[in-house]
Amino acid sequence: MRIAVVGAGSWGTALAHTLAGAARHEISLWARRPEVATAIAATRHNPAYLSEIELDPSIRVGSELGSALTDAAIVILAVPTHGMRAIAGLARPFLGAATVVVSAAKGFEERSGQTMTAVLGDVLGSGARERIVALSGPNIAIEIARGLPAATVVAGAEEAATYVRDECTSPTLRCYSTTDCIGVEYAGALKNVVAIAAGACDGMYVGDNGKAAIITRGIAEMARLGISAGAHVMTFAGLAGLGDCVVTCMSPHSRNRQLGEAIARGESLEQALQRINMVVEGVSATREAVRMARDTGVDMPITQQVHAALFEGKPVVAALEALMSRDPAEEARGL
């Protein structure tokens, strides 16, 4: 059986490598740039991402999308959220009638606010919706590529989610399944916003207590917005919620945490993004989350203060003071 991974960024590269290492299926990896595909095929190293990892020799690498997708039973789209709609459109002619399509991106589409599986449903058509799932969890790419133990969750229609779960579980990556696709996708997108706030805590040296408070109350905000969209509250206590939020807020590899730290130490948003030089999904997720919170009347004070620091010129110290000076409240209010 063939599993195709579309996108040779850090996450796509790590997924292809760990799936190939399980030696159960044929793995193909599509790189957008021909020179990257050629380099990987020749050296077994990705010159742009995770370059220190020697990739499994069985991975078929190329830049021809049709060749990568032909006869694939599972197609994993590991591309940034802003490119998901376009890449799905290019992939559509090569997908089989029974192919299960997996979104491995975490975020909302800008302007529409749609989750990635909703975007895929738009592009691939209503008949494909039962075969579209999302993959999300506490999965730092470099650790996955190094073979360190990890777990993730596949969300969607039960049959498709269970199928991907069973076929993608490896000795180092344990997959779970759930039908709460909304909860998993909202958690995956919103934890990036919380991670920016947690990074700002590191940049201001507020201490472990303050950072723990941001993480905990941030998860409460994630759950409130997700529940308003139809998610199950317990999803936010699982791998896609608590698990992914903690690792993204704590790991030195987290781009969103790095961004928050940089902003707190005086860099502008543009300077920080230029230095990180990779997509930081929490930036667009912050804009979309604030808009959704406003439209639904959901209280998201941490998200609002992150937005103010990123886009409104508010000093990070003032944003923290605004959070600390809020009126006292019952902890479980709104959940």
C-alpha atoms as a PDB file:
ATOM      1  CA  MET A   1       0.000   0.000   0.000  1.00  0.00           C
ATOM      2  CA  ARG A   2       1.212   3.496  -0.781  1.00  0.00           C
ATOM      3  CA  ILE A   3       1.037   6.459   1.573  1.00  0.00           C
ATOM      4  CA  ALA A   4       1.863   9.796  -0.036  1.00  0.00           C
ATOM      5  CA  VAL A   5       3.119  12.737   1.998  1.00  0.00           C
ATOM      6  CA  VAL A   6       2.617  16.068   0.237  1.00  0.00           C
ATOM      7  CA  GLY A   7       5.001  18.730   1.477  1.00  0.00           C
ATOM      8  CA  ALA A   8       8.706  18.361   2.274  1.00  0.00           C
ATOM      9  CA  GLY A   9       8.816  20.877   5.098  1.00  0.00           C
ATOM     10  CA  SER A  10       9.898  19.810   8.565  1.00  0.00           C
ATOM     11  CA  TRP A  11       6.606  18.074   9.420  1.00  0.00           C
ATOM     12  CA  GLY A  12       6.159  16.350   6.063  1.00  0.00           C
ATOM     13  CA  THR A  13       9.764  15.182   6.079  1.00  0.00           C
ATOM     14  CA  ALA A  14       9.441  13.825   9.616  1.00  0.00           C
ATOM     15  CA  LEU A  15       6.192  12.010   8.842  1.00  0.00           C
ATOM     16  CA  ALA A  16       7.582  10.398   5.688  1.00  0.00           C
ATOM     17  CA  HIS A  17      10.695   9.273   7.554  1.00  0.00           C
ATOM     18  CA  THR A  18       8.877   7.728  10.524  1.00  0.00           C
ATOM     19  CA  LEU A  19       6.268   6.015   8.347  1.00  0.00           C
ATOM     20  CA  ALA A  20       8.973   4.576   6.096  1.00  0.00           C
ATOM     21  CA  GLY A  21      10.899   3.396   9.138  1.00  0.00           C
ATOM     22  CA  ALA A  22       7.943   1.227  10.136  1.00  0.00           C
ATOM     23  CA  ALA A  23       8.567  -0.767   6.916  1.00  0.00           C
ATOM     24  CA  ARG A  24       4.876  -1.523   6.427  1.00  0.00           C
ATOM     25  CA  HIS A  25       3.996   0.555   3.376  1.00  0.00           C
ATOM     26  CA  GLU A  26       5.519   2.265   0.373  1.00  0.00           C
ATOM     27  CA  ILE A  27       6.060   5.944   1.203  1.00  0.00           C
ATOM     28  CA  SER A  28       6.290   8.744  -1.346  1.00  0.00           C
ATOM     29  CA  LEU A  29       7.261  12.323  -0.507  1.00  0.00           C
ATOM     30  CA  TRP A  30       6.395  15.267  -2.747  1.00  0.00           C
ATOM     31  CA  ALA A  31       8.542  18.393  -2.652  1.00  0.00           C
ATOM     32  CA  ARG A  32       7.270  21.556  -4.298  1.00  0.00           C
ATOM     33  CA  ARG A  33      10.716  22.621  -5.461  1.00  0.00           C
ATOM     34  CA  PRO A  34      12.420  20.227  -7.925  1.00  0.00           C
ATOM     35  CA  GLU A  35      15.880  21.069  -6.584  1.00  0.00           C
ATOM     36  CA  VAL A  36      14.842  19.977  -3.090  1.00  0.00           C
ATOM     37  CA  ALA A  37      13.445  16.683  -4.407  1.00  0.00           C
ATOM     38  CA  THR A  38      16.641  16.078  -6.390  1.00  0.00           C
ATOM     39  CA  ALA A  39      18.821  16.807  -3.363  1.00  0.00           C
ATOM     40  CA  ILE A  40      16.834  14.499  -1.092  1.00  0.00           C
ATOM     41  CA  ALA A  41      16.893  11.682  -3.643  1.00  0.00           C
ATOM     42  CA  ALA A  42      20.660  12.044  -4.128  1.00  0.00           C
ATOM     43  CA  THR A  43      21.808  12.567  -0.538  1.00  0.00           C
ATOM     44  CA  ARG A  44      18.900  11.293   1.626  1.00  0.00           C
ATOM     45  CA  HIS A  45      19.031  14.631   3.453  1.00  0.00           C
ATOM     46  CA  ASN A  46      16.535  17.467   3.101  1.00  0.00           C
ATOM     47  CA  PRO A  47      18.700  20.539   2.451  1.00  0.00           C
ATOM     48  CA  ALA A  48      16.085  22.942   3.820  1.00  0.00           C
ATOM     49  CA  TYR A  49      14.495  21.186   6.819  1.00  0.00           C
ATOM     50  CA  LEU A  50      15.767  18.666   9.371  1.00  0.00           C
ATOM     51  CA  SER A  51      18.958  18.525   7.350  1.00  0.00           C
ATOM     52  CA  GLU A  52      20.805  16.532  10.016  1.00  0.00           C
ATOM     53  CA  ILE A  53      18.451  13.554   9.605  1.00  0.00           C
ATOM     54  CA  GLU A  54      19.441  10.833   7.138  1.00  0.00           C
ATOM     55  CA  LEU A  55      16.118   9.887   5.599  1.00  0.00           C
ATOM     56  CA  ASP A  56      14.963   6.321   5.134  1.00  0.00           C
ATOM     57  CA  PRO A  57      16.309   5.026   1.820  1.00  0.00           C
ATOM     58  CA  SER A  58      12.964   3.487   0.838  1.00  0.00           C
ATOM     59  CA  ILE A  59      11.173   6.872   0.552  1.00  0.00           C
ATOM     60  CA  ARG A  60      10.329   7.736  -3.046  1.00  0.00           C
ATOM     61  CA  VAL A  61      10.941  11.461  -3.531  1.00  0.00           C
ATOM     62  CA  GLY A  62       9.849  13.650  -6.404  1.00  0.00           C
ATOM     63  CA  SER A  63       8.369  16.969  -7.481  1.00  0.00           C
ATOM     64  CA  GLU A  64       5.741  15.544  -9.851  1.00  0.00           C
ATOM     65  CA  LEU A  65       2.511  15.551  -7.868  1.00  0.00           C
ATOM     66  CA  GLY A  66       0.707  13.054 -10.079  1.00  0.00           C
ATOM     67  CA  SER A  67       3.502  10.518  -9.719  1.00  0.00           C
ATOM     68  CA  ALA A  68       3.531  10.895  -5.937  1.00  0.00           C
ATOM     69  CA  LEU A  69      -0.235  10.497  -5.563  1.00  0.00           C
ATOM     70  CA  THR A  70      -1.055   7.788  -8.098  1.00  0.00           C
ATOM     71  CA  ASP A  71      -2.445   4.678  -6.374  1.00  0.00           C
ATOM     72  CA  ALA A  72      -2.011   6.180  -2.897  1.00  0.00           C
ATOM     73  CA  ALA A  73      -4.499   4.803  -0.369  1.00  0.00           C
ATOM     74  CA  ILE A  74      -3.704   7.613   2.094  1.00  0.00           C
ATOM     75  CA  VAL A  75      -2.579  11.114   1.139  1.00  0.00           C
ATOM     76  CA  ILE A  76      -1.200  13.301   3.939  1.00  0.00           C
ATOM     77  CA  LEU A  77      -1.180  17.029   3.172  1.00  0.00           C
ATOM     78  CA  ALA A  78       1.614  18.485   5.297  1.00  0.00           C
ATOM     79  CA  VAL A  79       1.518  22.001   3.860  1.00  0.00           C
ATOM     80  CA  PRO A  80       0.992  25.408   5.501  1.00  0.00           C
ATOM     81  CA  THR A  81      -2.606  26.475   5.989  1.00  0.00           C
ATOM     82  CA  HIS A  82      -2.312  29.315   3.481  1.00  0.00           C
ATOM     83  CA  GLY A  83      -1.404  26.798   0.759  1.00  0.00           C
ATOM     84  CA  MET A  84      -3.896  24.056   1.605  1.00  0.00           C
ATOM     85  CA  ARG A  85      -6.661  25.109  -0.800  1.00  0.00           C
ATOM     86  CA  ALA A  86      -4.325  25.505  -3.773  1.00  0.00           C
ATOM     87  CA  ILE A  87      -2.437  22.250  -3.178  1.00  0.00           C
ATOM     88  CA  ALA A  88      -5.685  20.321  -2.680  1.00  0.00           C
ATOM     89  CA  GLY A  89      -6.915  21.672  -6.000  1.00  0.00           C
ATOM     90  CA  LEU A  90      -3.764  20.462  -7.736  1.00  0.00           C
ATOM     91  CA  ALA A  91      -4.027  17.064  -6.033  1.00  0.00           C
ATOM     92  CA  ARG A  92      -7.697  16.440  -6.767  1.00  0.00           C
ATOM     93  CA  PRO A  93      -7.287  14.950 -10.286  1.00  0.00           C
ATOM     94  CA  PHE A  94      -4.867  12.333  -8.954  1.00  0.00           C
ATOM     95  CA  LEU A  95      -6.887  11.111  -5.968  1.00  0.00           C
ATOM     96  CA  GLY A  96      -8.630   7.763  -6.159  1.00  0.00           C
ATOM     97  CA  ALA A  97     -12.308   7.322  -5.332  1.00  0.00           C
ATOM     98  CA  ALA A  98     -11.410   5.612  -2.037  1.00  0.00           C
ATOM     99  CA  THR A  99      -8.324   7.648  -1.124  1.00  0.00           C
ATOM    100  CA  VAL A 100      -8.353   8.975   2.433  1.00  0.00           C
ATOM    101  CA  VAL A 101      -7.031  12.547   2.617  1.00  0.00           C
ATOM    102  CA  VAL A 102      -5.337  13.704   5.821  1.00  0.00           C
ATOM    103  CA  SER A 103      -4.773  17.318   6.813  1.00  0.00           C
ATOM    104  CA  ALA A 104      -1.594  17.602   8.854  1.00  0.00           C
ATOM    105  CA  ALA A 105      -1.803  21.405   9.072  1.00  0.00           C
ATOM    106  CA  LYS A 106      -2.855  23.285  12.216  1.00  0.00           C
ATOM    107  CA  GLY A 107      -4.705  26.510  11.682  1.00  0.00           C
ATOM    108  CA  PHE A 108      -7.621  28.341  10.104  1.00  0.00           C
ATOM    109  CA  GLU A 109      -7.848  29.612   6.565  1.00  0.00           C
ATOM    110  CA  GLU A 110      -7.465  33.371   6.594  1.00  0.00           C
ATOM    111  CA  ARG A 111     -10.569  35.398   5.760  1.00  0.00           C
ATOM    112  CA  SER A 112     -12.917  32.391   5.622  1.00  0.00           C
ATOM    113  CA  GLY A 113     -11.974  31.118   9.101  1.00  0.00           C
ATOM    114  CA  GLN A 114     -12.519  27.539   7.906  1.00  0.00           C
ATOM    115  CA  THR A 115     -10.686  24.587   9.381  1.00  0.00           C
ATOM    116  CA  MET A 116      -8.448  22.652   7.018  1.00  0.00           C
ATOM    117  CA  THR A 117     -10.844  19.717   6.678  1.00  0.00           C
ATOM    118  CA  ALA A 118     -13.587  22.185   5.752  1.00  0.00           C
ATOM    119  CA  VAL A 119     -11.294  23.660   3.100  1.00  0.00           C
ATOM    120  CA  LEU A 120     -10.603  20.166   1.782  1.00  0.00           C
ATOM    121  CA  GLY A 121     -14.329  19.450   1.715  1.00  0.00           C
ATOM    122  CA  ASP A 122     -14.867  22.546  -0.400  1.00  0.00           C
ATOM    123  CA  VAL A 123     -12.150  21.598  -2.863  1.00  0.00           C
ATOM    124  CA  LEU A 124     -12.685  17.840  -3.088  1.00  0.00           C
ATOM    125  CA  GLY A 125     -16.484  17.915  -3.000  1.00  0.00           C
ATOM    126  CA  SER A 126     -19.184  16.654  -0.681  1.00  0.00           C
ATOM    127  CA  GLY A 127     -18.640  13.061  -1.756  1.00  0.00           C
ATOM    128  CA  ALA A 128     -15.154  13.106  -0.262  1.00  0.00           C
ATOM    129  CA  ARG A 129     -16.091  14.431   3.176  1.00  0.00           C
ATOM    130  CA  GLU A 130     -16.282  10.991   4.785  1.00  0.00           C
ATOM    131  CA  ARG A 131     -12.714  10.380   3.588  1.00  0.00           C
ATOM    132  CA  ILE A 132     -11.182  13.588   4.969  1.00  0.00           C
ATOM    133  CA  VAL A 133      -9.525  13.533   8.395  1.00  0.00           C
ATOM    134  CA  ALA A 134      -7.213  15.691  10.482  1.00  0.00           C
ATOM    135  CA  LEU A 135      -4.021  14.637  12.235  1.00  0.00           C
ATOM    136  CA  SER A 136      -2.892  16.627  15.252  1.00  0.00           C
ATOM    137  CA  GLY A 137      -1.088  16.264  18.548  1.00  0.00           C
ATOM    138  CA  PRO A 138       2.089  17.021  20.519  1.00  0.00           C
ATOM    139  CA  ASN A 139       4.408  16.290  17.616  1.00  0.00           C
ATOM    140  CA  ILE A 140       7.630  18.311  17.420  1.00  0.00           C
ATOM    141  CA  ALA A 141       8.974  17.384  13.983  1.00  0.00           C
ATOM    142  CA  ILE A 142      12.637  16.926  14.871  1.00  0.00           C
ATOM    143  CA  GLU A 143      11.768  14.551  17.713  1.00  0.00           C
ATOM    144  CA  ILE A 144       9.505  12.491  15.442  1.00  0.00           C
ATOM    145  CA  ALA A 145      12.289  12.330  12.856  1.00  0.00           C
ATOM    146  CA  ARG A 146      14.799  11.195  15.494  1.00  0.00           C
ATOM    147  CA  GLY A 147      12.536   8.292  16.437  1.00  0.00           C
ATOM    148  CA  LEU A 148      11.656   9.552  19.900  1.00  0.00           C
ATOM    149  CA  PRO A 149       8.344   8.203  21.241  1.00  0.00           C
ATOM    150  CA  ALA A 150       5.247  10.293  20.538  1.00  0.00           C
ATOM    151  CA  ALA A 151       1.492  10.056  20.177  1.00  0.00           C
ATOM    152  CA  THR A 152      -0.988  11.803  17.926  1.00  0.00           C
ATOM    153  CA  VAL A 153      -4.706  11.745  17.143  1.00  0.00           C
ATOM    154  CA  VAL A 154      -6.593  11.262  13.878  1.00  0.00           C
ATOM    155  CA  ALA A 155     -10.013  12.925  13.740  1.00  0.00           C
ATOM    156  CA  GLY A 156     -12.889  12.482  11.314  1.00  0.00           C
ATOM    157  CA  ALA A 157     -15.564  10.015  10.287  1.00  0.00           C
ATOM    158  CA  GLU A 158     -15.037   6.882  12.347  1.00  0.00           C
ATOM    159  CA  GLU A 159     -14.162   4.499   9.503  1.00  0.00           C
ATOM    160  CA  ALA A 160     -11.629   6.824   7.887  1.00  0.00           C
ATOM    161  CA  ALA A 161     -10.070   7.946  11.157  1.00  0.00           C
ATOM    162  CA  THR A 162      -9.696   4.365  12.370  1.00  0.00           C
ATOM    163  CA  TYR A 163      -8.165   3.344   9.042  1.00  0.00           C
ATOM    164  CA  VAL A 164      -5.509   6.075   9.144  1.00  0.00           C
ATOM    165  CA  ARG A 165      -4.882   5.400  12.834  1.00  0.00           C
ATOM    166  CA  ASP A 166      -4.169   1.734  12.220  1.00  0.00           C
ATOM    167  CA  GLU A 167      -2.083   2.190   9.078  1.00  0.00           C
ATOM    168  CA  CYS A 168       0.042   5.070  10.403  1.00  0.00           C
ATOM    169  CA  THR A 169       0.819   3.732  13.855  1.00  0.00           C
ATOM    170  CA  SER A 170       4.510   2.878  14.052  1.00  0.00           C
ATOM    171  CA  PRO A 171       6.857   1.640  16.775  1.00  0.00           C
ATOM    172  CA  THR A 172       7.670   5.268  17.663  1.00  0.00           C
ATOM    173  CA  LEU A 173       4.408   7.079  16.780  1.00  0.00           C
ATOM    174  CA  ARG A 174       1.256   5.862  18.513  1.00  0.00           C
ATOM    175  CA  CYS A 175      -1.964   7.032  16.842  1.00  0.00           C
ATOM    176  CA  TYR A 176      -5.371   7.397  18.462  1.00  0.00           C
ATOM    177  CA  SER A 177      -8.661   8.210  16.750  1.00  0.00           C
ATOM    178  CA  THR A 178     -11.697  10.383  17.488  1.00  0.00           C
ATOM    179  CA  THR A 179     -14.784  11.604  15.679  1.00  0.00           C
ATOM    180  CA  ASP A 180     -14.463  15.111  17.166  1.00  0.00           C
ATOM    181  CA  CYS A 181     -12.800  16.706  14.167  1.00  0.00           C
ATOM    182  CA  ILE A 182     -13.939  20.212  15.145  1.00  0.00           C
ATOM    183  CA  GLY A 183     -12.378  19.917  18.588  1.00  0.00           C
ATOM    184  CA  VAL A 184      -9.100  18.526  17.287  1.00  0.00           C
ATOM    185  CA  GLU A 185      -8.747  21.210  14.621  1.00  0.00           C
ATOM    186  CA  TYR A 186      -9.725  24.102  16.876  1.00  0.00           C
ATOM    187  CA  ALA A 187      -7.296  22.846  19.511  1.00  0.00           C
ATOM    188  CA  GLY A 188      -4.500  22.473  16.960  1.00  0.00           C
ATOM    189  CA  ALA A 189      -4.974  26.015  15.693  1.00  0.00           C
ATOM    190  CA  LEU A 190      -5.597  27.816  18.971  1.00  0.00           C
ATOM    191  CA  LYS A 191      -2.751  26.264  20.946  1.00  0.00           C
ATOM    192  CA  ASN A 192      -0.408  28.262  18.717  1.00  0.00           C
ATOM    193  CA  VAL A 193      -1.917  31.489  20.045  1.00  0.00           C
ATOM    194  CA  VAL A 194      -1.412  30.319  23.623  1.00  0.00           C
ATOM    195  CA  ALA A 195       2.169  29.377  22.773  1.00  0.00           C
ATOM    196  CA  ILE A 196       2.882  32.938  21.640  1.00  0.00           C
ATOM    197  CA  ALA A 197       1.650  34.135  25.028  1.00  0.00           C
ATOM    198  CA  ALA A 198       3.740  31.512  26.812  1.00  0.00           C
ATOM    199  CA  GLY A 199       6.791  32.567  24.850  1.00  0.00           C
ATOM    200  CA  ALA A 200       6.152  36.150  25.901  1.00  0.00           C
ATOM    201  CA  CYS A 201       6.208  34.942  29.500  1.00  0.00           C
ATOM    202  CA  ASP A 202       9.680  33.503  28.869  1.00  0.00           C
ATOM    203  CA  GLY A 203      10.777  36.747  27.250  1.00  0.00           C
ATOM    204  CA  MET A 204       9.618  38.742  30.264  1.00  0.00           C
ATOM    205  CA  TYR A 205      11.043  36.222  32.781  1.00  0.00           C
ATOM    206  CA  VAL A 206       7.726  36.064  34.634  1.00  0.00           C
ATOM    207  CA  GLY A 207       8.529  32.641  36.075  1.00  0.00           C
ATOM    208  CA  ASP A 208       7.017  29.173  35.957  1.00  0.00           C
ATOM    209  CA  ASN A 209       3.898  30.111  37.922  1.00  0.00           C
ATOM    210  CA  GLY A 210       2.918  32.838  35.487  1.00  0.00           C
ATOM    211  CA  LYS A 211       3.581  30.661  32.455  1.00  0.00           C
ATOM    212  CA  ALA A 212       1.562  27.795  33.932  1.00  0.00           C
ATOM    213  CA  ALA A 213      -1.335  30.183  34.505  1.00  0.00           C
ATOM    214  CA  ILE A 214      -1.198  31.352  30.882  1.00  0.00           C
ATOM    215  CA  ILE A 215      -1.188  27.761  29.610  1.00  0.00           C
ATOM    216  CA  THR A 216      -4.060  26.686  31.861  1.00  0.00           C
ATOM    217  CA  ARG A 217      -6.287  29.676  31.195  1.00  0.00           C
ATOM    218  CA  GLY A 218      -5.330  29.529  27.535  1.00  0.00           C
ATOM    219  CA  ILE A 219      -6.663  25.991  27.280  1.00  0.00           C
ATOM    220  CA  ALA A 220      -9.901  27.223  28.873  1.00  0.00           C
ATOM    221  CA  GLU A 221     -10.186  29.835  26.101  1.00  0.00           C
ATOM    222  CA  MET A 222      -9.479  27.212  23.442  1.00  0.00           C
ATOM    223  CA  ALA A 223     -12.236  25.028  24.853  1.00  0.00           C
ATOM    224  CA  ARG A 224     -14.771  27.867  25.023  1.00  0.00           C
ATOM    225  CA  LEU A 225     -14.334  28.781  21.378  1.00  0.00           C
ATOM    226  CA  GLY A 226     -14.271  25.148  20.296  1.00  0.00           C
ATOM    227  CA  ILE A 227     -17.429  24.309  22.221  1.00  0.00           C
ATOM    228  CA  SER A 228     -19.174  27.244  20.558  1.00  0.00           C
ATOM    229  CA  ALA A 229     -18.415  25.568  17.211  1.00  0.00           C
ATOM    230  CA  GLY A 230     -19.691  22.161  18.351  1.00  0.00           C
ATOM    231  CA  ALA A 231     -16.562  20.553  19.814  1.00  0.00           C
ATOM    232  CA  HIS A 232     -16.515  18.214  22.812  1.00  0.00           C
ATOM    233  CA  VAL A 233     -14.945  19.690  25.935  1.00  0.00           C
ATOM    234  CA  MET A 234     -12.863  16.589  26.718  1.00  0.00           C
ATOM    235  CA  THR A 235     -10.991  16.901  23.426  1.00  0.00           C
ATOM    236  CA  PHE A 236      -9.221  19.895  24.946  1.00  0.00           C
ATOM    237  CA  ALA A 237      -7.926  17.670  27.751  1.00  0.00           C
ATOM    238  CA  GLY A 238      -6.484  15.213  25.213  1.00  0.00           C
ATOM    239  CA  LEU A 239      -3.534  14.983  22.835  1.00  0.00           C
ATOM    240  CA  ALA A 240      -4.707  17.719  20.468  1.00  0.00           C
ATOM    241  CA  GLY A 241      -5.568  20.058  23.344  1.00  0.00           C
ATOM    242  CA  LEU A 242      -3.578  19.785  26.559  1.00  0.00           C
ATOM    243  CA  GLY A 243      -0.824  17.652  25.031  1.00  0.00           C
ATOM    244  CA  ASP A 244      -0.114  19.847  22.029  1.00  0.00           C
ATOM    245  CA  CYS A 245      -0.544  23.061  23.972  1.00  0.00           C
ATOM    246  CA  VAL A 246       1.989  22.058  26.620  1.00  0.00           C
ATOM    247  CA  VAL A 247       4.651  20.948  24.149  1.00  0.00           C
ATOM    248  CA  THR A 248       4.183  24.013  21.935  1.00  0.00           C
ATOM    249  CA  CYS A 249       4.409  26.317  24.948  1.00  0.00           C
ATOM    250  CA  MET A 250       7.479  24.598  26.413  1.00  0.00           C
ATOM    251  CA  SER A 251       9.628  23.277  23.578  1.00  0.00           C
ATOM    252  CA  PRO A 252      12.632  25.314  22.371  1.00  0.00           C
ATOM    253  CA  HIS A 253      11.764  24.026  18.880  1.00  0.00           C
ATOM    254  CA  SER A 254       8.336  25.722  18.897  1.00  0.00           C
ATOM    255  CA  ARG A 255       8.186  28.594  16.393  1.00  0.00           C
ATOM    256  CA  ASN A 256       5.172  30.141  18.112  1.00  0.00           C
ATOM    257  CA  ARG A 257       6.884  30.142  21.506  1.00  0.00           C
ATOM    258  CA  GLN A 258       9.984  31.622  19.874  1.00  0.00           C
ATOM    259  CA  LEU A 259       7.882  34.396  18.354  1.00  0.00           C
ATOM    260  CA  GLY A 260       6.320  35.345  21.682  1.00  0.00           C
ATOM    261  CA  GLU A 261       9.708  35.423  23.355  1.00  0.00           C
ATOM    262  CA  ALA A 262      11.122  37.642  20.614  1.00  0.00           C
ATOM    263  CA  ILE A 263       8.219  40.094  20.804  1.00  0.00           C
ATOM    264  CA  ALA A 264       8.616  40.363  24.585  1.00  0.00           C
ATOM    265  CA  ARG A 265      12.307  41.136  24.172  1.00  0.00           C
ATOM    266  CA  GLY A 266      11.660  44.029  21.846  1.00  0.00           C
ATOM    267  CA  GLU A 267      11.643  42.636  18.311  1.00  0.00           C
ATOM    268  CA  SER A 268       8.879  43.713  15.964  1.00  0.00           C
ATOM    269  CA  LEU A 269       6.609  41.072  14.461  1.00  0.00           C
ATOM    270  CA  GLU A 270       8.301  41.528  11.082  1.00  0.00           C
ATOM    271  CA  GLN A 271      11.792  41.193  12.568  1.00  0.00           C
ATOM    272  CA  ALA A 272      10.890  38.061  14.505  1.00  0.00           C
ATOM    273  CA  LEU A 273       9.240  36.367  11.521  1.00  0.00           C
ATOM    274  CA  GLN A 274      12.197  37.194   9.309  1.00  0.00           C
ATOM    275  CA  ARG A 275      14.624  35.690  11.801  1.00  0.00           C
ATOM    276  CA  ILE A 276      12.582  32.534  12.396  1.00  0.00           C
ATOM    277  CA  ASN A 277      12.265  32.202   8.598  1.00  0.00           C
ATOM    278  CA  MET A 278       9.497  29.593   8.730  1.00  0.00           C
ATOM    279  CA  VAL A 279       5.712  29.788   8.809  1.00  0.00           C
ATOM    280  CA  VAL A 280       4.423  30.705  12.278  1.00  0.00           C
ATOM    281  CA  GLU A 281       0.798  29.599  12.151  1.00  0.00           C
ATOM    282  CA  GLY A 282      -0.156  31.358  15.391  1.00  0.00           C
ATOM    283  CA  VAL A 283       0.003  34.761  13.702  1.00  0.00           C
ATOM    284  CA  SER A 284      -2.913  34.163  11.345  1.00  0.00           C
ATOM    285  CA  ALA A 285      -4.666  32.001  13.958  1.00  0.00           C
ATOM    286  CA  THR A 286      -4.652  34.965  16.348  1.00  0.00           C
ATOM    287  CA  ARG A 287      -6.411  37.174  13.809  1.00  0.00           C
ATOM    288  CA  GLU A 288      -9.029  34.529  13.051  1.00  0.00           C
ATOM    289  CA  ALA A 289      -9.590  33.636  16.715  1.00  0.00           C
ATOM    290  CA  VAL A 290     -10.229  37.266  17.693  1.00  0.00           C
ATOM    291  CA  ARG A 291     -12.700  37.613  14.852  1.00  0.00           C
ATOM    292  CA  MET A 292     -14.502  34.387  15.800  1.00  0.00           C
ATOM    293  CA  ALA A 293     -14.588  35.349  19.469  1.00  0.00           C
ATOM    294  CA  ARG A 294     -16.147  38.674  18.559  1.00  0.00           C
ATOM    295  CA  ASP A 295     -18.725  37.063  16.272  1.00  0.00           C
ATOM    296  CA  THR A 296     -19.725  34.402  18.811  1.00  0.00           C
ATOM    297  CA  GLY A 297     -19.434  36.445  21.999  1.00  0.00           C
ATOM    298  CA  VAL A 298     -16.841  34.064  23.476  1.00  0.00           C
ATOM    299  CA  ASP A 299     -14.544  35.546  26.133  1.00  0.00           C
ATOM    300  CA  MET A 300     -10.875  35.115  25.080  1.00  0.00           C
ATOM    301  CA  PRO A 301      -8.795  37.654  27.015  1.00  0.00           C
ATOM    302  CA  ILE A 302      -5.395  36.030  26.434  1.00  0.00           C
ATOM    303  CA  THR A 303      -6.019  35.794  22.702  1.00  0.00           C
ATOM    304  CA  GLN A 304      -7.145  39.419  22.623  1.00  0.00           C
ATOM    305  CA  GLN A 305      -3.984  40.563  24.398  1.00  0.00           C
ATOM    306  CA  VAL A 306      -1.799  38.522  22.031  1.00  0.00           C
ATOM    307  CA  HIS A 307      -3.581  40.246  19.153  1.00  0.00           C
ATOM    308  CA  ALA A 308      -2.964  43.640  20.727  1.00  0.00           C
ATOM    309  CA  ALA A 309       0.753  42.893  21.155  1.00  0.00           C
ATOM    310  CA  LEU A 310       1.191  41.531  17.624  1.00  0.00           C
ATOM    311  CA  PHE A 311      -0.951  43.913  15.594  1.00  0.00           C
ATOM    312  CA  GLU A 312      -1.898  46.944  17.683  1.00  0.00           C
ATOM    313  CA  GLY A 313       1.457  48.048  19.071  1.00  0.00           C
ATOM    314  CA  LYS A 314       0.602  47.274  22.683  1.00  0.00           C
ATOM    315  CA  PRO A 315       3.660  46.651  24.872  1.00  0.00           C
ATOM    316  CA  VAL A 316       3.801  43.073  26.102  1.00  0.00           C
ATOM    317  CA  VAL A 317       4.172  44.223  29.707  1.00  0.00           C
ATOM    318  CA  ALA A 318       0.952  46.227  29.370  1.00  0.00           C
ATOM    319  CA  ALA A 319      -0.792  43.173  27.905  1.00  0.00           C
ATOM    320  CA  LEU A 320       0.226  41.106  30.925  1.00  0.00           C
ATOM    321  CA  GLU A 321      -0.921  43.853  33.290  1.00  0.00           C
ATOM    322  CA  ALA A 322      -4.303  43.895  31.545  1.00  0.00           C
ATOM    323  CA  LEU A 323      -4.707  40.170  32.153  1.00  0.00           C
ATOM    324  CA  MET A 324      -3.641  40.369  35.796  1.00  0.00           C
ATOM    325  CA  SER A 325      -6.027  43.256  36.525  1.00  0.00           C
ATOM    326  CA  ARG A 326      -9.173  41.530  35.263  1.00  0.00           C
ATOM    327  CA  ASP A 327     -12.018  41.095  37.734  1.00  0.00           C
ATOM    328  CA  PRO A 328     -11.883  37.902  39.829  1.00  0.00           C
ATOM    329  CA  ALA A 329     -13.986  35.086  38.396  1.00  0.00           C
ATOM    330  CA  GLU A 330     -15.060  31.496  38.986  1.00  0.00           C
ATOM    331  CA  GLU A 331     -12.518  29.153  37.364  1.00  0.00           C
ATOM    332  CA  ALA A 332     -14.956  26.954  35.429  1.00  0.00           C
ATOM    333  CA  ARG A 333     -17.139  29.818  34.217  1.00  0.00           C
ATOM    334  CA  GLY A 334     -18.278  29.263  30.666  1.00  0.00           C
ATOM    335  CA  LEU A 335     -17.253  25.610  30.425  1.00  0.00           C
END
